[in-house]
Amino acid sequence: MLKQILEVTWMNLLNLNARRGASLVIVVGMAGVVAVLVGLLAMSAGFTAALESSGRPDRAIILREGSTQEIDGGISAEAQQIVSQLEGIARASGEVYVGLDLPSRATGKPATAVGRGVAMAAFDVRPEIAIVAGRRMNPGHNEMIAGTAAVQQYTGLEIGDEVELRGSTWMVVGHFEGGGAAYASEIWMDLSLTQATFRRAGTVSSIRVQLEHPGAAADVRDRLRADPRLELDLTTEFDFYATQSRTRAELIESFAYLVATIMAMGSIVAALNTMYSAVSTRTIEIATLRALGFGGLPIVVSVITEALLLAFAGSVLGGALVYVLFDGYAASTLNAEAYSQVAFEFAVTPDLLLLGVSWALILSLIGGLFPAIRAARLPIVAALRGA
């Protein structure tokens, strides 16, 4: 039986060239399904990675109790002082989170950028922040530094440019990188002047803290909740950014699977038509093999193997196109949770490519199974008489 399977399958594959037009339909169809599925999921993976890479195990964010976003926060100066002295916290950075209307490079229209008012402690809490051009802003001056991703997204952020914010003029004095994190999409300004410009009256939106060790988060959270003077809560950065990315990632992934499923239905129909056509053109050949003593199973295996190989070729083609064209492709999207744009890069990972190949093989198996069964059940005598 194994010998028959190998012989019939090999003979079938040798005849693929005679059916190259129909075979290409399966290859192109599967390539399209895989390209769309992997491309959209790569977008989701890149967006999630951009946010999650902003987190560190020894860092956390403190927000007003009940708040899930920095933009909702309002923490008093007294509360900041208490937090900075809590056991388990090595460094603390009170920060103001604001939205800035800046012209988008892509459309020329105003878009919402993240502005962050910070003191010098922000750089100590985030050692991954590195100035790549210009310098840091000087405390007490209307100066700002822009993340490299923000510079690519918005106009007017080159070093020396001036930005008008609520009647005050700010000068861009530097550019920084955030180690691939979402910070690179932000614009940082002096904390006290940001509070004055945006009328925050000494309050901050959040407190970013560096913990004495990663395991200290639970203890610090308990101390915050136990202090009657405070109405604050602590979330590790990993959990905070995972929550932020979840809604957008789920939306993109749902859309990806919806579109891929619609395309997959078309690919299954194309595979069915192609394989039925292949069986039809091989009627005499299959009947002759059956008359010579070949069983039905080798016929079934040969037809399914042909469908699987064509689908595999299509999945490799689709995956390769997405990898070449989109892996590392820089883009930006609205982070609905934070009401701001986030820059990220598409991430075509091996897991996504493997998923694309799996989809193609499953679809081809469905498309090749019924034609294979029909081929195995061809009446020998009727087929030979029809010749």
Protein backbone atom coordinates (compact mmCIF):
# COMPACT_ATOMS: atom_id res chain seq x y z
CA MET A 1 0.00 0.00 0.00
CA LEU A 2 2.81 2.44 0.86
CA LYS A 3 4.52 1.66 -2.45
CA GLN A 4 1.30 2.34 -4.33
CA ILE A 5 0.81 5.64 -2.51
CA LEU A 6 4.33 6.80 -3.37
CA GLU A 7 4.08 5.74 -7.01
CA VAL A 8 0.68 7.30 -7.67
CA THR A 9 1.55 10.52 -5.80
CA TRP A 10 4.85 10.90 -7.65
CA MET A 11 3.17 10.34 -11.02
CA ASN A 12 0.50 12.88 -10.14
CA LEU A 13 3.08 15.50 -9.20
CA LEU A 14 5.02 14.92 -12.42
CA ASN A 15 1.88 15.88 -14.34
CA LEU A 16 1.40 19.19 -12.49
CA ASN A 17 3.00 21.11 -15.35
CA ALA A 18 0.13 20.05 -17.60
CA ARG A 19 -2.26 21.69 -15.15
CA ARG A 20 -0.16 24.70 -14.25
CA GLY A 21 -2.87 27.26 -15.04
CA ALA A 22 -5.41 25.69 -12.72
CA SER A 23 -2.73 24.96 -10.11
CA LEU A 24 -1.71 28.62 -10.01
CA VAL A 25 -5.27 29.49 -8.98
CA ILE A 26 -4.73 27.61 -5.71
CA VAL A 27 -1.25 29.04 -5.19
CA VAL A 28 -2.34 32.65 -5.73
CA GLY A 29 -5.52 32.23 -3.69
CA MET A 30 -3.69 30.79 -0.70
CA ALA A 31 -0.98 33.44 -1.01
CA GLY A 32 -3.64 36.13 -0.76
CA VAL A 33 -5.27 34.59 2.30
CA VAL A 34 -1.95 34.19 4.09
CA ALA A 35 -0.74 37.67 3.14
CA VAL A 36 -3.87 39.36 4.49
CA LEU A 37 -4.03 37.28 7.66
CA VAL A 38 -0.33 37.56 8.54
CA GLY A 39 -0.14 41.23 7.52
CA LEU A 40 -2.98 42.33 9.78
CA LEU A 41 -1.83 40.17 12.68
CA ALA A 42 1.69 41.61 12.25
CA MET A 43 0.14 45.03 12.70
CA SER A 44 -1.52 43.90 15.92
CA ALA A 45 1.70 42.28 17.16
CA GLY A 46 3.72 45.41 16.43
CA PHE A 47 1.25 47.68 18.21
CA THR A 48 1.19 45.42 21.26
CA ALA A 49 4.99 45.14 21.30
CA ALA A 50 5.39 48.93 21.14
CA LEU A 51 3.34 49.34 24.30
CA GLU A 52 4.53 46.30 26.21
CA SER A 53 8.19 47.11 25.53
CA SER A 54 7.60 50.30 27.52
CA GLY A 55 7.27 48.24 30.68
CA ARG A 56 9.92 47.00 33.08
CA PRO A 57 9.48 44.52 35.94
CA ASP A 58 10.83 46.98 38.52
CA ARG A 59 8.65 49.88 37.43
CA ALA A 60 5.04 50.76 38.17
CA ILE A 61 2.55 53.56 37.68
CA ILE A 62 0.43 55.11 40.40
CA LEU A 63 -2.93 56.59 39.43
CA ARG A 64 -5.89 58.05 41.24
CA GLU A 65 -8.08 55.23 42.57
CA GLY A 66 -10.62 54.23 39.93
CA SER A 67 -8.63 55.67 37.04
CA THR A 68 -7.29 53.42 34.31
CA GLN A 69 -5.57 56.08 32.20
CA GLU A 70 -3.11 58.84 32.94
CA ILE A 71 -5.31 61.43 31.26
CA ASP A 72 -7.93 60.88 33.97
CA GLY A 73 -5.50 61.40 36.86
CA GLY A 74 -5.25 64.16 39.43
CA ILE A 75 -2.77 63.59 42.27
CA SER A 76 -2.03 66.38 44.75
CA ALA A 77 1.40 67.61 45.79
CA GLU A 78 0.81 66.26 49.31
CA ALA A 79 0.07 62.80 47.94
CA GLN A 80 3.21 62.94 45.80
CA GLN A 81 5.31 63.68 48.87
CA ILE A 82 3.80 60.76 50.79
CA VAL A 83 4.34 58.37 47.87
CA SER A 84 7.99 59.35 47.45
CA GLN A 85 8.68 58.29 51.04
CA LEU A 86 6.91 54.92 50.94
CA GLU A 87 8.98 51.85 51.70
CA GLY A 88 9.62 49.80 48.56
CA ILE A 89 9.93 52.81 46.22
CA ALA A 90 13.44 53.72 45.10
CA ARG A 91 12.57 56.69 42.85
CA ALA A 92 9.38 58.56 41.99
CA SER A 93 8.51 60.88 39.13
CA GLY A 94 5.29 62.91 39.20
CA GLU A 95 4.16 63.64 35.64
CA VAL A 96 1.44 65.53 33.81
CA TYR A 97 -0.14 63.83 30.82
CA VAL A 98 -1.73 66.19 28.26
CA GLY A 99 -2.91 66.10 24.67
CA LEU A 100 -1.21 68.34 22.12
CA ASP A 101 -2.73 69.27 18.76
CA LEU A 102 0.04 69.00 16.18
CA PRO A 103 -0.10 68.77 12.37
CA SER A 104 0.19 65.19 11.10
CA ARG A 105 2.85 64.59 8.46
CA ALA A 106 0.58 62.11 6.68
CA THR A 107 -2.49 64.34 6.34
CA GLY A 108 -1.41 67.85 7.27
CA LYS A 109 -4.39 68.03 9.61
CA PRO A 110 -4.26 68.40 13.41
CA ALA A 111 -3.75 65.15 15.31
CA THR A 112 -3.47 64.41 19.01
CA ALA A 113 0.04 63.86 20.31
CA VAL A 114 1.04 62.92 23.86
CA GLY A 115 2.63 65.72 25.84
CA ARG A 116 4.27 64.79 29.13
CA GLY A 117 5.36 67.29 31.73
CA VAL A 118 8.31 65.84 33.61
CA ALA A 119 11.02 66.75 36.08
CA MET A 120 14.57 65.44 35.80
CA ALA A 121 13.54 62.46 37.94
CA ALA A 122 11.73 61.07 34.87
CA PHE A 123 15.09 60.32 33.26
CA ASP A 124 16.29 58.52 36.38
CA VAL A 125 13.18 56.34 36.49
CA ARG A 126 13.53 55.57 32.76
CA PRO A 127 17.23 54.95 32.12
CA GLU A 128 16.45 53.68 28.61
CA ILE A 129 15.64 57.23 27.45
CA ALA A 130 18.56 58.50 25.38
CA ILE A 131 19.04 61.91 23.75
CA VAL A 132 20.03 61.27 20.12
CA ALA A 133 20.11 64.88 18.92
CA GLY A 134 20.31 68.23 20.69
CA ARG A 135 19.98 68.24 24.48
CA ARG A 136 17.56 67.86 27.37
CA MET A 137 15.21 70.72 28.19
CA ASN A 138 16.37 73.05 30.95
CA PRO A 139 14.13 73.23 34.05
CA GLY A 140 12.10 76.44 34.21
CA HIS A 141 12.33 77.10 30.46
CA ASN A 142 9.70 76.76 27.74
CA GLU A 143 11.61 73.94 26.06
CA MET A 144 10.60 70.51 24.87
CA ILE A 145 12.19 67.36 23.55
CA ALA A 146 10.44 65.08 21.05
CA GLY A 147 10.62 61.32 20.64
CA THR A 148 11.99 60.12 17.33
CA ALA A 149 8.67 58.47 16.43
CA ALA A 150 6.83 61.72 17.18
CA VAL A 151 9.20 63.60 14.88
CA GLN A 152 8.27 61.21 12.08
CA GLN A 153 4.55 61.53 12.81
CA TYR A 154 4.16 65.28 13.24
CA THR A 155 5.53 68.40 11.57
CA GLY A 156 7.17 71.27 13.46
CA LEU A 157 9.27 69.14 15.82
CA GLU A 158 12.71 69.62 14.32
CA ILE A 159 15.35 71.03 16.66
CA GLY A 160 14.94 74.81 16.77
CA ASP A 161 11.25 74.75 15.79
CA GLU A 162 8.77 76.66 17.94
CA VAL A 163 5.42 75.22 19.03
CA GLU A 164 2.49 77.32 20.21
CA LEU A 165 0.64 75.85 23.20
CA ARG A 166 -2.21 77.81 24.78
CA GLY A 167 -0.69 81.20 24.23
CA SER A 168 2.89 80.24 25.12
CA THR A 169 5.78 79.44 22.80
CA TRP A 170 7.91 76.35 23.34
CA MET A 171 11.16 75.54 21.56
CA VAL A 172 12.21 72.05 20.50
CA VAL A 173 15.75 71.52 21.83
CA GLY A 174 16.29 67.78 21.45
CA HIS A 175 15.18 64.39 20.17
CA PHE A 176 15.18 61.18 22.18
CA GLU A 177 14.72 57.46 21.73
CA GLY A 178 12.91 55.16 24.12
CA GLY A 179 14.43 51.79 23.32
CA GLY A 180 11.54 50.86 21.04
CA ALA A 181 8.97 51.86 23.66
CA ALA A 182 5.85 54.00 23.26
CA TYR A 183 7.70 56.94 24.85
CA ALA A 184 9.24 57.64 21.45
CA SER A 185 5.80 58.88 20.35
CA GLU A 186 5.69 61.51 23.11
CA ILE A 187 6.82 65.13 23.58
CA TRP A 188 8.36 65.92 26.96
CA MET A 189 8.27 69.35 28.63
CA ASP A 190 9.21 70.92 31.95
CA LEU A 191 6.79 69.80 34.66
CA SER A 192 6.15 73.09 36.46
CA LEU A 193 5.61 75.06 33.25
CA THR A 194 3.34 72.36 31.85
CA GLN A 195 1.24 72.54 35.03
CA ALA A 196 0.99 76.32 34.64
CA THR A 197 0.22 76.23 30.91
CA PHE A 198 -2.48 73.57 31.23
CA ARG A 199 -3.83 74.87 34.57
CA ARG A 200 -3.02 71.81 36.64
CA ALA A 201 -2.28 73.84 39.81
CA GLY A 202 0.46 71.62 41.25
CA THR A 203 -1.28 68.31 40.55
CA VAL A 204 0.09 65.52 38.39
CA SER A 205 -1.67 62.91 36.28
CA SER A 206 0.40 59.98 37.47
CA ILE A 207 3.47 59.02 39.44
CA ARG A 208 5.95 56.72 37.74
CA VAL A 209 7.96 54.81 40.33
CA GLN A 210 11.00 52.59 40.25
CA LEU A 211 10.59 49.83 42.81
CA GLU A 212 13.39 48.63 45.04
CA HIS A 213 12.86 45.20 43.48
CA PRO A 214 10.23 43.66 41.13
CA GLY A 215 8.49 41.82 43.97
CA ALA A 216 7.77 45.03 45.87
CA ALA A 217 4.72 45.97 43.78
CA ALA A 218 2.18 44.09 45.90
CA ASP A 219 3.52 45.51 49.19
CA VAL A 220 3.53 49.09 47.88
CA ARG A 221 -0.01 48.64 46.55
CA ASP A 222 -1.17 47.47 49.97
CA ARG A 223 0.44 50.47 51.68
CA LEU A 224 -1.25 52.87 49.27
CA ARG A 225 -4.66 51.33 49.85
CA ALA A 226 -4.19 51.26 53.62
CA ASP A 227 -3.26 54.95 53.91
CA PRO A 228 -6.47 56.99 54.57
CA ARG A 229 -4.81 60.13 53.23
CA LEU A 230 -4.45 58.60 49.80
CA GLU A 231 -6.93 57.50 47.17
CA LEU A 232 -4.35 55.95 44.90
CA ASP A 233 -3.67 52.60 43.31
CA LEU A 234 -0.57 51.00 41.80
CA THR A 235 -0.30 48.98 38.59
CA THR A 236 2.85 47.41 37.25
CA GLU A 237 3.91 48.79 33.89
CA PHE A 238 3.48 45.40 32.22
CA ASP A 239 -0.15 45.20 33.37
CA PHE A 240 -0.82 48.85 32.53
CA TYR A 241 0.41 48.61 28.94
CA ALA A 242 -1.15 45.18 28.43
CA THR A 243 -4.52 46.72 29.29
CA GLN A 244 -3.91 49.63 26.94
CA SER A 245 -3.01 47.39 24.02
CA ARG A 246 -5.75 44.80 24.52
CA THR A 247 -8.71 46.68 23.00
CA ARG A 248 -6.90 47.79 19.86
CA ALA A 249 -5.19 44.44 19.38
CA GLU A 250 -8.47 42.55 19.73
CA LEU A 251 -10.11 44.85 17.17
CA ILE A 252 -7.32 44.35 14.64
CA GLU A 253 -7.22 40.59 15.18
CA SER A 254 -11.00 40.26 14.82
CA PHE A 255 -10.87 42.19 11.56
CA ALA A 256 -7.95 40.07 10.36
CA TYR A 257 -9.75 36.79 10.97
CA LEU A 258 -12.98 38.14 9.45
CA VAL A 259 -11.31 39.21 6.21
CA ALA A 260 -9.17 36.07 6.07
CA THR A 261 -12.25 33.88 6.59
CA ILE A 262 -14.10 35.58 3.73
CA MET A 263 -11.08 35.13 1.47
CA ALA A 264 -10.65 31.56 2.70
CA MET A 265 -14.15 30.67 1.54
CA GLY A 266 -13.24 31.84 -1.93
CA SER A 267 -9.99 29.89 -1.79
CA ILE A 268 -11.81 26.71 -0.80
CA VAL A 269 -14.16 27.09 -3.77
CA ALA A 270 -11.17 27.68 -6.05
CA ALA A 271 -9.41 24.62 -4.65
CA LEU A 272 -12.54 22.49 -5.11
CA ASN A 273 -12.94 23.59 -8.71
CA THR A 274 -9.27 23.08 -9.45
CA MET A 275 -9.05 19.64 -7.89
CA TYR A 276 -12.33 18.48 -9.45
CA SER A 277 -10.95 19.64 -12.80
CA ALA A 278 -7.71 17.76 -12.15
CA VAL A 279 -9.66 14.60 -11.32
CA SER A 280 -11.77 15.02 -14.44
CA THR A 281 -8.74 15.27 -16.73
CA ARG A 282 -7.23 12.20 -15.06
CA THR A 283 -10.33 10.01 -15.33
CA ILE A 284 -8.78 7.50 -17.75
CA GLU A 285 -5.49 7.50 -15.84
CA ILE A 286 -7.21 6.84 -12.52
CA ALA A 287 -9.45 4.15 -14.00
CA THR A 288 -6.43 2.44 -15.56
CA LEU A 289 -4.59 2.46 -12.24
CA ARG A 290 -7.61 0.97 -10.51
CA ALA A 291 -7.85 -1.72 -13.21
CA LEU A 292 -4.19 -2.57 -12.65
CA GLY A 293 -4.90 -3.22 -8.99
CA PHE A 294 -4.16 0.11 -7.33
CA GLY A 295 -6.42 0.76 -4.36
CA GLY A 296 -8.61 3.79 -3.66
CA LEU A 297 -6.45 5.07 -0.79
CA PRO A 298 -3.40 5.84 -2.99
CA ILE A 299 -5.68 7.84 -5.30
CA VAL A 300 -7.09 9.83 -2.36
CA VAL A 301 -3.64 10.50 -0.94
CA SER A 302 -2.27 11.64 -4.31
CA VAL A 303 -5.06 14.18 -4.85
CA ILE A 304 -4.85 15.54 -1.30
CA THR A 305 -1.03 15.71 -1.49
CA GLU A 306 -1.28 17.78 -4.65
CA ALA A 307 -3.67 20.22 -2.96
CA LEU A 308 -1.46 20.45 0.13
CA LEU A 309 1.71 21.12 -1.86
CA LEU A 310 0.04 23.82 -3.93
CA ALA A 311 -1.31 25.44 -0.77
CA PHE A 312 2.07 25.22 0.92
CA ALA A 313 3.67 26.96 -2.06
CA GLY A 314 1.01 29.68 -1.87
CA SER A 315 1.50 30.14 1.87
CA VAL A 316 5.27 30.46 1.45
CA LEU A 317 4.75 33.02 -1.31
CA GLY A 318 2.25 35.03 0.74
CA GLY A 319 4.37 34.89 3.89
CA ALA A 320 7.50 35.92 2.00
CA LEU A 321 5.74 38.92 0.44
CA VAL A 322 4.45 40.13 3.80
CA TYR A 323 7.85 39.65 5.44
CA VAL A 324 9.72 41.54 2.72
CA LEU A 325 7.20 44.37 2.39
CA PHE A 326 5.96 44.86 5.95
CA ASP A 327 8.33 43.45 8.58
CA GLY A 328 9.66 46.51 10.39
CA TYR A 329 7.34 48.84 8.45
CA ALA A 330 6.77 51.98 10.54
CA ALA A 331 3.18 53.04 11.09
CA SER A 332 1.00 54.72 13.68
CA THR A 333 -2.50 54.24 14.97
CA LEU A 334 -4.82 55.75 17.50
CA ASN A 335 -4.47 54.33 20.98
CA ALA A 336 -8.13 54.66 21.94
CA GLU A 337 -7.36 53.93 25.58
CA ALA A 338 -5.03 56.93 25.85
CA TYR A 339 -6.59 59.18 23.19
CA SER A 340 -3.30 59.54 21.35
CA GLN A 341 -1.31 58.31 18.40
CA VAL A 342 1.23 55.53 18.97
CA ALA A 343 4.01 54.76 16.52
CA PHE A 344 4.94 51.12 16.03
CA GLU A 345 6.52 48.72 13.56
CA PHE A 346 4.85 45.73 11.94
CA ALA A 347 6.22 42.51 13.45
CA VAL A 348 6.09 39.49 11.12
CA THR A 349 7.09 36.79 13.58
CA PRO A 350 7.81 33.10 12.94
CA ASP A 351 4.64 32.22 14.88
CA LEU A 352 2.54 34.31 12.50
CA LEU A 353 4.17 32.76 9.45
CA LEU A 354 3.52 29.31 10.88
CA LEU A 355 -0.11 30.29 11.50
CA GLY A 356 -0.41 31.38 7.87
CA VAL A 357 0.98 28.06 6.62
CA SER A 358 -1.40 26.17 8.92
CA TRP A 359 -4.40 28.07 7.59
CA ALA A 360 -3.39 27.35 4.00
CA LEU A 361 -2.91 23.63 4.64
CA ILE A 362 -6.24 23.29 6.45
CA LEU A 363 -8.06 25.13 3.66
CA SER A 364 -6.41 22.98 0.99
CA LEU A 365 -7.29 19.82 2.91
CA ILE A 366 -10.93 20.88 2.90
CA GLY A 367 -10.77 21.81 -0.78
CA GLY A 368 -9.01 18.62 -1.83
CA LEU A 369 -10.86 16.05 0.26
CA PHE A 370 -14.11 15.77 -1.74
CA PRO A 371 -12.42 15.66 -5.17
CA ALA A 372 -10.07 12.99 -3.76
CA ILE A 373 -12.99 10.86 -2.58
CA ARG A 374 -14.68 11.26 -5.96
CA ALA A 375 -11.49 10.14 -7.71
CA ALA A 376 -11.30 7.02 -5.56
CA ARG A 377 -14.92 6.14 -6.30
CA LEU A 378 -14.77 6.54 -10.09
CA PRO A 379 -16.45 3.51 -11.71
CA ILE A 380 -13.64 1.73 -13.54
CA VAL A 381 -15.68 0.30 -16.39
CA ALA A 382 -17.68 3.46 -17.04
CA ALA A 383 -14.54 5.58 -17.05
CA LEU A 384 -12.75 3.31 -19.51
CA ARG A 385 -15.82 3.12 -21.78
CA GLY A 386 -16.01 6.91 -21.73
CA ALA A 387 -12.52 7.00 -23.14
